[in-house]
Every structure is written in C-alpha cells, then in structure tokens.
Protein backbone atom coordinates (compact mmCIF):
# COMPACT_ATOMS: atom_id res chain seq x y z
CA UNK A 1 -4.57 -14.55 136.99
CA UNK A 2 -6.87 -15.31 134.08
CA UNK A 3 -7.95 -18.30 132.01
CA UNK A 4 -9.24 -18.82 128.47
CA UNK A 5 -12.02 -21.41 128.44
CA UNK A 6 -14.07 -22.96 125.63
CA UNK A 7 -17.81 -23.58 125.79
CA UNK A 8 -20.63 -23.55 123.26
CA UNK A 9 -18.13 -23.29 120.39
CA UNK A 10 -16.80 -19.96 121.73
CA UNK A 11 -13.78 -18.88 123.76
CA UNK A 12 -13.91 -16.60 126.81
CA UNK A 13 -11.14 -14.88 128.79
CA UNK A 14 -12.16 -14.84 132.46
CA UNK A 15 -10.82 -13.92 135.88
CA UNK A 16 -12.16 -14.77 139.33
CA UNK A 17 -15.25 -12.69 140.09
CA UNK A 18 -16.17 -12.02 136.44
CA UNK A 19 -19.79 -12.20 135.25
CA UNK A 20 -20.17 -14.23 132.08
CA UNK A 21 -22.99 -15.04 129.61
CA UNK A 22 -22.54 -18.31 127.72
CA UNK A 23 -24.66 -20.64 125.56
CA UNK A 24 -27.34 -22.24 127.76
CA UNK A 25 -26.01 -24.86 130.18
CA UNK A 26 -27.89 -27.76 131.76
CA UNK A 27 -27.84 -26.30 135.28
CA UNK A 28 -30.18 -24.43 137.64
CA UNK A 29 -29.64 -21.09 139.38
CA UNK A 30 -27.43 -21.51 142.44
CA UNK A 31 -25.64 -24.60 141.12
CA UNK A 32 -21.87 -24.74 140.78
CA UNK A 33 -20.40 -25.92 137.49
CA UNK A 34 -16.89 -26.57 136.23
CA UNK A 35 -15.42 -25.87 132.78
CA UNK A 36 -12.72 -28.41 131.94
CA UNK A 37 -11.78 -27.24 128.43
CA UNK A 38 -9.15 -24.64 129.36
CA UNK A 39 -7.07 -23.37 126.44
CA UNK A 40 -4.72 -21.12 128.41
CA UNK A 41 -3.80 -20.00 131.91
CA UNK A 42 -2.37 -16.49 132.24
CA UNK A 43 -0.43 -14.81 135.02
CA UNK A 44 3.21 -14.80 136.16
CA UNK A 45 3.85 -18.13 134.43
CA UNK A 46 1.44 -18.49 131.45
CA UNK A 47 0.54 -22.01 130.31
CA UNK A 48 -0.82 -22.75 126.83
CA UNK A 49 -2.75 -25.97 126.28
CA UNK A 50 -2.28 -28.49 123.49
CA UNK A 51 -5.19 -28.12 122.94
CA UNK A 52 -6.23 -28.01 126.64
CA UNK A 53 -4.27 -27.43 129.84
CA UNK A 54 -4.14 -30.76 131.70
CA UNK A 55 -5.76 -30.66 135.14
CA UNK A 56 -6.90 -27.03 134.81
CA UNK A 57 -10.50 -25.86 135.23
CA UNK A 58 -12.68 -22.84 135.84
CA UNK A 59 -15.45 -23.08 138.42
CA UNK A 60 -18.50 -20.81 138.31
CA UNK A 61 -21.86 -20.34 140.01
CA UNK A 62 -25.01 -20.21 137.89
CA UNK A 63 -26.76 -16.89 138.59
CA UNK A 64 -29.71 -17.22 136.19
CA UNK A 65 -31.00 -18.55 132.87
CA UNK A 66 -31.57 -15.54 130.58
CA UNK A 67 -32.27 -14.66 126.94
CA UNK A 68 -30.14 -12.61 124.58
CA UNK A 69 -31.28 -9.64 122.50
CA UNK A 70 -33.88 -10.31 119.83
CA UNK A 71 -32.46 -10.95 116.37
CA UNK A 72 -34.69 -10.35 113.34
CA UNK A 73 -34.04 -12.64 110.38
CA UNK A 74 -35.55 -11.46 107.08
CA UNK A 75 -35.30 -13.71 104.02
CA UNK A 76 -36.50 -12.64 100.57
CA UNK A 77 -36.29 -14.90 97.52
CA UNK A 78 -36.61 -12.78 94.40
CA UNK A 79 -35.74 -14.89 91.43
CA UNK A 80 -37.61 -18.19 91.66
CA UNK A 81 -40.22 -17.95 94.34
CA UNK A 82 -40.94 -14.29 95.04
CA UNK A 83 -41.50 -15.15 98.71
CA UNK A 84 -40.35 -13.48 101.89
CA UNK A 85 -40.22 -14.44 105.54
CA UNK A 86 -39.49 -12.63 108.80
CA UNK A 87 -38.54 -14.44 111.97
CA UNK A 88 -37.41 -13.30 115.40
CA UNK A 89 -35.05 -15.21 117.66
CA UNK A 90 -33.73 -14.74 121.20
CA UNK A 91 -30.81 -16.97 122.08
CA UNK A 92 -31.06 -18.76 125.43
CA UNK A 93 -28.06 -18.00 127.65
CA UNK A 94 -26.75 -18.83 131.11
CA UNK A 95 -25.48 -16.04 133.37
CA UNK A 96 -22.50 -17.12 135.49
CA UNK A 97 -20.21 -15.71 138.16
CA UNK A 98 -16.65 -17.09 137.98
CA UNK A 99 -15.65 -18.24 141.47
CA UNK A 100 -12.29 -19.97 141.04
CA UNK A 101 -9.56 -20.79 138.53
CA UNK A 102 -7.81 -24.11 139.18
CA UNK A 103 -4.32 -24.69 137.79
CA UNK A 104 -4.45 -28.41 138.65
CA UNK A 105 -6.55 -31.10 140.32
CA UNK A 106 -9.71 -30.49 138.28
CA UNK A 107 -10.58 -34.20 138.12
CA UNK A 108 -10.71 -34.49 141.93
CA UNK A 109 -13.11 -31.64 142.77
CA UNK A 110 -16.38 -33.51 142.29
CA UNK A 111 -18.06 -30.42 140.81
CA UNK A 112 -20.51 -31.07 137.95
CA UNK A 113 -19.05 -30.46 134.49
CA UNK A 114 -20.62 -27.59 132.55
CA UNK A 115 -22.44 -29.02 129.50
CA UNK A 116 -24.87 -27.48 127.05
CA UNK A 117 -28.56 -28.40 127.03
CA UNK A 118 -28.16 -30.18 123.67
CA UNK A 119 -25.37 -32.43 124.97
CA UNK A 120 -25.54 -35.76 126.76
CA UNK A 121 -26.55 -35.87 130.42
CA UNK A 122 -23.83 -34.26 132.60
CA UNK A 123 -21.53 -36.45 134.62
CA UNK A 124 -19.38 -35.42 137.54
CA UNK A 125 -16.23 -33.83 136.13
CA UNK A 126 -15.45 -35.90 133.08
CA UNK A 127 -12.09 -35.25 131.45
CA UNK A 128 -12.49 -33.66 128.01
CA UNK A 129 -12.63 -36.44 125.42
CA UNK A 130 -10.96 -36.08 122.06
CA UNK A 131 -13.11 -36.79 119.02
CA UNK A 132 -11.05 -38.70 116.52
CA UNK A 133 -13.46 -37.72 113.76
CA UNK A 134 -16.97 -36.42 113.19
CA UNK A 135 -18.21 -39.84 112.19
CA UNK A 136 -17.20 -41.42 115.49
CA UNK A 137 -20.38 -40.56 117.38
CA UNK A 138 -21.06 -43.75 119.32
CA UNK A 139 -24.58 -45.00 118.86
CA UNK A 140 -25.45 -42.17 116.47
CA UNK A 141 -26.81 -42.22 112.94
CA UNK A 142 -24.90 -41.49 109.74
CA UNK A 143 -26.00 -37.85 109.33
CA UNK A 144 -24.29 -37.70 105.92
CA UNK A 145 -27.35 -39.51 104.53
CA UNK A 146 -29.20 -36.18 104.78
CA UNK A 147 -29.15 -34.22 101.53
CA UNK A 148 -26.25 -31.78 101.37
CA UNK A 149 -24.55 -33.01 104.57
CA UNK A 150 -20.89 -33.82 104.09
CA UNK A 151 -18.11 -34.41 106.65
CA UNK A 152 -17.83 -30.69 107.52
CA UNK A 153 -21.56 -30.21 108.19
CA UNK A 154 -21.75 -33.54 110.01
CA UNK A 155 -18.96 -32.38 112.33
CA UNK A 156 -20.85 -29.13 113.06
CA UNK A 157 -24.01 -31.08 113.90
CA UNK A 158 -22.15 -33.50 116.18
CA UNK A 159 -20.46 -30.63 118.01
CA UNK A 160 -23.93 -29.12 118.57
CA UNK A 161 -25.08 -32.39 120.16
CA UNK A 162 -27.10 -33.65 117.17
CA UNK A 163 -26.31 -37.34 116.61
CA UNK A 164 -29.52 -39.02 115.41
CA UNK A 165 -32.19 -38.62 112.73
CA UNK A 166 -34.84 -38.62 115.48
CA UNK A 167 -33.39 -35.39 116.90
CA UNK A 168 -33.56 -33.68 113.50
CA UNK A 169 -37.09 -35.00 112.88
CA UNK A 170 -38.26 -33.44 116.16
CA UNK A 171 -36.95 -29.93 115.40
CA UNK A 172 -39.48 -27.11 115.72
CA UNK A 173 -39.38 -23.81 113.79
CA UNK A 174 -37.54 -22.25 116.76
CA UNK A 175 -34.98 -25.08 116.72
CA UNK A 176 -34.43 -24.61 112.97
CA UNK A 177 -33.92 -20.85 113.40
CA UNK A 178 -31.49 -21.46 116.29
CA UNK A 179 -29.48 -24.01 114.29
CA UNK A 180 -29.43 -21.70 111.26
CA UNK A 181 -27.98 -18.92 113.38
CA UNK A 182 -25.65 -20.99 115.55
CA UNK A 183 -24.12 -23.08 112.74
CA UNK A 184 -24.51 -20.62 109.82
CA UNK A 185 -26.59 -23.04 107.71
CA UNK A 186 -28.20 -20.09 105.81
CA UNK A 187 -31.58 -21.76 105.33
CA UNK A 188 -30.11 -25.10 104.24
CA UNK A 189 -32.29 -27.08 106.67
CA UNK A 190 -35.54 -26.00 105.01
CA UNK A 191 -34.08 -25.79 101.51
CA UNK A 192 -32.83 -29.39 101.58
CA UNK A 193 -35.84 -30.71 103.53
CA UNK A 194 -33.80 -32.27 106.34
CA UNK A 195 -36.72 -32.70 108.74
CA UNK A 196 -38.81 -34.72 106.27
CA UNK A 197 -35.78 -36.78 105.25
CA UNK A 198 -34.93 -37.42 108.91
CA UNK A 199 -38.47 -38.64 109.64
CA UNK A 200 -38.17 -41.23 106.86
CA UNK A 201 -34.64 -42.26 107.81
CA UNK A 202 -35.58 -42.59 111.49
CA UNK A 203 -38.17 -45.22 110.56
CA UNK A 204 -35.32 -47.36 109.28
C-alpha cells in the first residue's frame, strides 16, 4: 500500500518504512508527526481525494533536521547596472521515516500535525482547512500593497506562511534567497524593495 501526501508545496509517494526528506517541519528528532493532506491512497482499492482523502493520514517519525546540497546563485546585470552577485544557499530539510499509513480515523489519533517552520504553531491533528481565497488570511495584512504583488503572488506568500508586513520587514539575506528559490521570485524582492516598503507599511 502507498499514499501520495502533500507538504511544503510538493507531493511525495510513500510507503510504510520509507525514508523521506521534506521542507523543514516544526518538530524535533524522535517526535512523531502526522500528514493530513493525503491526495491518494494506492493498493488493492485505490482512493483518489477531492482534493484530499477524508480521514486518511500518513504518520512518520522525525529522524533528524538536515540541510540540502549547496546551491550557487549567480546574478549578473549587464545592461543597466553592470553589477554581479554570487550567493550560496542550503535548504533546511527534515529527514523522516514513514511508520504508518492510515486509511481512516486520522482525526482521532492525537498525533501532532506536521507543519512547516513558517506556519502557525502546530495543533494536535487539525483537519486540513480549505482557503477560500488568498486574501482570506485572518488577521493578516493586505500584501497586495507591496509593489508588484498581485493576487497570484499574494497567494504564494500566504501558502509559504507569510501573512504580515512585519514578517517581510524582518527578512534577512538568507530569508530573501530562500524565498527567491522556493517561490521563483527571480530577484523581485530586492528589485521592488519589498523589505523597505514593508517596514513603512508595518508602522501603519
């Protein structure tokens, strides 16, 4: 039996006993976590979710927090500025061992839900909530006030756990490089001056 789960904006096909590297989760080595966004269950009687399989889950044990291979990002601007920049980045990952695939009863296990480090504080097995739209982030700021951010980019930011101007204003160079790579912004953050704009907007 296998399952297809979604985490960190990616999909993974897993079976019991598999080792898996995913985007960093808010969990320590030895902890047990549960993935509730299951897109498909395979086996003798496959089940396809719409979009998720109700009551299904994948449980895993956190083995370690690791880093991915180094990625070198080289940017050269020829025409206007004649500048160039080289940056290195190593993505933070969580190494997991899949322990169990549940076809039903996920909401009654009491195992902590697997959430990324940029998400809200984890709660014990919350059912996956549907986002009606990108602008429905409760208590968040209107990120479309940042230069160049439309509904599509706002949705990407919300899915990455960015909901307020204060979060953007606090980004470091490493955070900017990670967001550039993760969300394919292609230098837009620096080019549009989001961090400076966010500092002003956060003041109200």
